[in-house]
Amino acid sequence: MSLEFEAGKFIGGAFLCIFTAIISIDIFDRLTPAINEVDELKKGNKAVAVFLGAVVLGICLMVVPSLYKFAKISEGPLLGADL
């Protein structure tokens, strides 16, 4: 594959990861209405920061396999490559 195609896959995958992380933080914030994570982070609450970081890492661990399959699909027969 060409360098431009590989760069496009990298940028697309990075965009999907960032988008998924932002959406997951928003969903998590809505599921925990008693705690406003953004305000707690602005106050410097390190416990909330560590917990929210663990949530983001957990979401990313679930997203990585789908991105791997996306990368494999994009190399498939539609583009003329052998599997």
C-alpha atoms as a PDB file:
ATOM      1  CA  MET A   1       0.000   0.000   0.000  1.00  0.00           C
ATOM      2  CA  SER A   2       1.071   3.571  -0.527  1.00  0.00           C
ATOM      3  CA  LEU A   3       2.420   5.815   2.181  1.00  0.00           C
ATOM      4  CA  GLU A   4      -0.533   8.181   1.807  1.00  0.00           C
ATOM      5  CA  PHE A   5      -2.989   5.325   2.367  1.00  0.00           C
ATOM      6  CA  GLU A   6      -1.119   4.198   5.494  1.00  0.00           C
ATOM      7  CA  ALA A   7      -1.030   7.777   6.802  1.00  0.00           C
ATOM      8  CA  GLY A   8      -4.762   8.067   6.134  1.00  0.00           C
ATOM      9  CA  LYS A   9      -5.434   4.871   8.089  1.00  0.00           C
ATOM     10  CA  PHE A  10      -3.320   6.194  10.971  1.00  0.00           C
ATOM     11  CA  ILE A  11      -5.072   9.566  11.038  1.00  0.00           C
ATOM     12  CA  GLY A  12      -8.495   7.922  10.710  1.00  0.00           C
ATOM     13  CA  GLY A  13      -7.736   5.490  13.526  1.00  0.00           C
ATOM     14  CA  ALA A  14      -6.419   8.272  15.760  1.00  0.00           C
ATOM     15  CA  PHE A  15      -9.541  10.338  15.068  1.00  0.00           C
ATOM     16  CA  LEU A  16     -11.789   7.387  15.910  1.00  0.00           C
ATOM     17  CA  CYS A  17      -9.902   6.739  19.155  1.00  0.00           C
ATOM     18  CA  ILE A  18     -10.099  10.364  20.277  1.00  0.00           C
ATOM     19  CA  PHE A  19     -13.770  10.610  19.289  1.00  0.00           C
ATOM     20  CA  THR A  20     -14.591   7.400  21.163  1.00  0.00           C
ATOM     21  CA  ALA A  21     -12.718   8.565  24.266  1.00  0.00           C
ATOM     22  CA  ILE A  22     -14.575  11.892  24.298  1.00  0.00           C
ATOM     23  CA  ILE A  23     -17.952  10.211  23.817  1.00  0.00           C
ATOM     24  CA  SER A  24     -17.196   7.639  26.529  1.00  0.00           C
ATOM     25  CA  ILE A  25     -16.227  10.368  29.010  1.00  0.00           C
ATOM     26  CA  ASP A  26     -19.488  12.180  28.217  1.00  0.00           C
ATOM     27  CA  ILE A  27     -21.520   8.990  28.708  1.00  0.00           C
ATOM     28  CA  PHE A  28     -19.690   8.229  31.955  1.00  0.00           C
ATOM     29  CA  ASP A  29     -20.345  11.793  33.145  1.00  0.00           C
ATOM     30  CA  ARG A  30     -24.064  11.352  32.450  1.00  0.00           C
ATOM     31  CA  LEU A  31     -24.140   7.993  34.262  1.00  0.00           C
ATOM     32  CA  THR A  32     -22.661   9.553  37.424  1.00  0.00           C
ATOM     33  CA  PRO A  33     -24.840  12.630  38.051  1.00  0.00           C
ATOM     34  CA  ALA A  34     -23.840  12.902  41.721  1.00  0.00           C
ATOM     35  CA  ILE A  35     -20.229  13.713  40.790  1.00  0.00           C
ATOM     36  CA  ASN A  36     -19.262  16.423  38.329  1.00  0.00           C
ATOM     37  CA  GLU A  37     -15.944  15.082  37.071  1.00  0.00           C
ATOM     38  CA  VAL A  38     -14.964  18.241  35.181  1.00  0.00           C
ATOM     39  CA  ASP A  39     -15.410  20.460  38.255  1.00  0.00           C
ATOM     40  CA  GLU A  40     -13.524  17.968  40.410  1.00  0.00           C
ATOM     41  CA  LEU A  41     -10.664  17.919  37.901  1.00  0.00           C
ATOM     42  CA  LYS A  42     -10.554  21.729  37.907  1.00  0.00           C
ATOM     43  CA  LYS A  43     -10.325  21.632  41.728  1.00  0.00           C
ATOM     44  CA  GLY A  44      -7.308  19.336  41.430  1.00  0.00           C
ATOM     45  CA  ASN A  45      -8.926  16.166  42.745  1.00  0.00           C
ATOM     46  CA  LYS A  46      -6.326  13.538  41.881  1.00  0.00           C
ATOM     47  CA  ALA A  47      -8.534  10.583  42.819  1.00  0.00           C
ATOM     48  CA  VAL A  48     -11.117  11.576  40.216  1.00  0.00           C
ATOM     49  CA  ALA A  49      -8.334  12.123  37.673  1.00  0.00           C
ATOM     50  CA  VAL A  50      -6.908   8.649  38.257  1.00  0.00           C
ATOM     51  CA  PHE A  51     -10.346   7.035  38.136  1.00  0.00           C
ATOM     52  CA  LEU A  52     -11.342   8.879  34.955  1.00  0.00           C
ATOM     53  CA  GLY A  53      -8.009   7.900  33.406  1.00  0.00           C
ATOM     54  CA  ALA A  54      -8.734   4.270  34.232  1.00  0.00           C
ATOM     55  CA  VAL A  55     -12.162   4.593  32.614  1.00  0.00           C
ATOM     56  CA  VAL A  56     -10.604   6.012  29.439  1.00  0.00           C
ATOM     57  CA  LEU A  57      -7.983   3.242  29.358  1.00  0.00           C
ATOM     58  CA  GLY A  58     -10.695   0.627  29.806  1.00  0.00           C
ATOM     59  CA  ILE A  59     -12.718   2.080  26.936  1.00  0.00           C
ATOM     60  CA  CYS A  60      -9.603   2.221  24.754  1.00  0.00           C
ATOM     61  CA  LEU A  61      -8.847  -1.426  25.496  1.00  0.00           C
ATOM     62  CA  MET A  62     -12.313  -2.284  24.206  1.00  0.00           C
ATOM     63  CA  VAL A  63     -11.948  -0.100  21.096  1.00  0.00           C
ATOM     64  CA  VAL A  64      -8.524  -1.364  19.961  1.00  0.00           C
ATOM     65  CA  PRO A  65      -9.756  -4.724  18.574  1.00  0.00           C
ATOM     66  CA  SER A  66     -12.354  -3.006  16.413  1.00  0.00           C
ATOM     67  CA  LEU A  67      -9.733  -0.602  15.059  1.00  0.00           C
ATOM     68  CA  TYR A  68      -7.478  -3.546  14.305  1.00  0.00           C
ATOM     69  CA  LYS A  69     -10.292  -5.181  12.339  1.00  0.00           C
ATOM     70  CA  PHE A  70     -10.908  -1.867  10.555  1.00  0.00           C
ATOM     71  CA  ALA A  71      -7.259  -1.776   9.495  1.00  0.00           C
ATOM     72  CA  LYS A  72      -7.448  -5.364   8.243  1.00  0.00           C
ATOM     73  CA  ILE A  73     -10.696  -4.733   6.350  1.00  0.00           C
ATOM     74  CA  SER A  74      -9.194  -1.690   4.645  1.00  0.00           C
ATOM     75  CA  GLU A  75      -6.459  -3.927   3.213  1.00  0.00           C
ATOM     76  CA  GLY A  76      -8.994  -6.381   1.815  1.00  0.00           C
ATOM     77  CA  PRO A  77     -10.070  -7.411  -1.675  1.00  0.00           C
ATOM     78  CA  LEU A  78     -11.915  -4.159  -2.378  1.00  0.00           C
ATOM     79  CA  LEU A  79      -8.535  -2.499  -2.805  1.00  0.00           C
ATOM     80  CA  GLY A  80      -7.002  -5.349  -4.765  1.00  0.00           C
ATOM     81  CA  ALA A  81      -4.835  -6.761  -1.972  1.00  0.00           C
ATOM     82  CA  ASP A  82      -4.719 -10.446  -1.138  1.00  0.00           C
ATOM     83  CA  LEU A  83      -5.706 -11.531   2.368  1.00  0.00           C
END
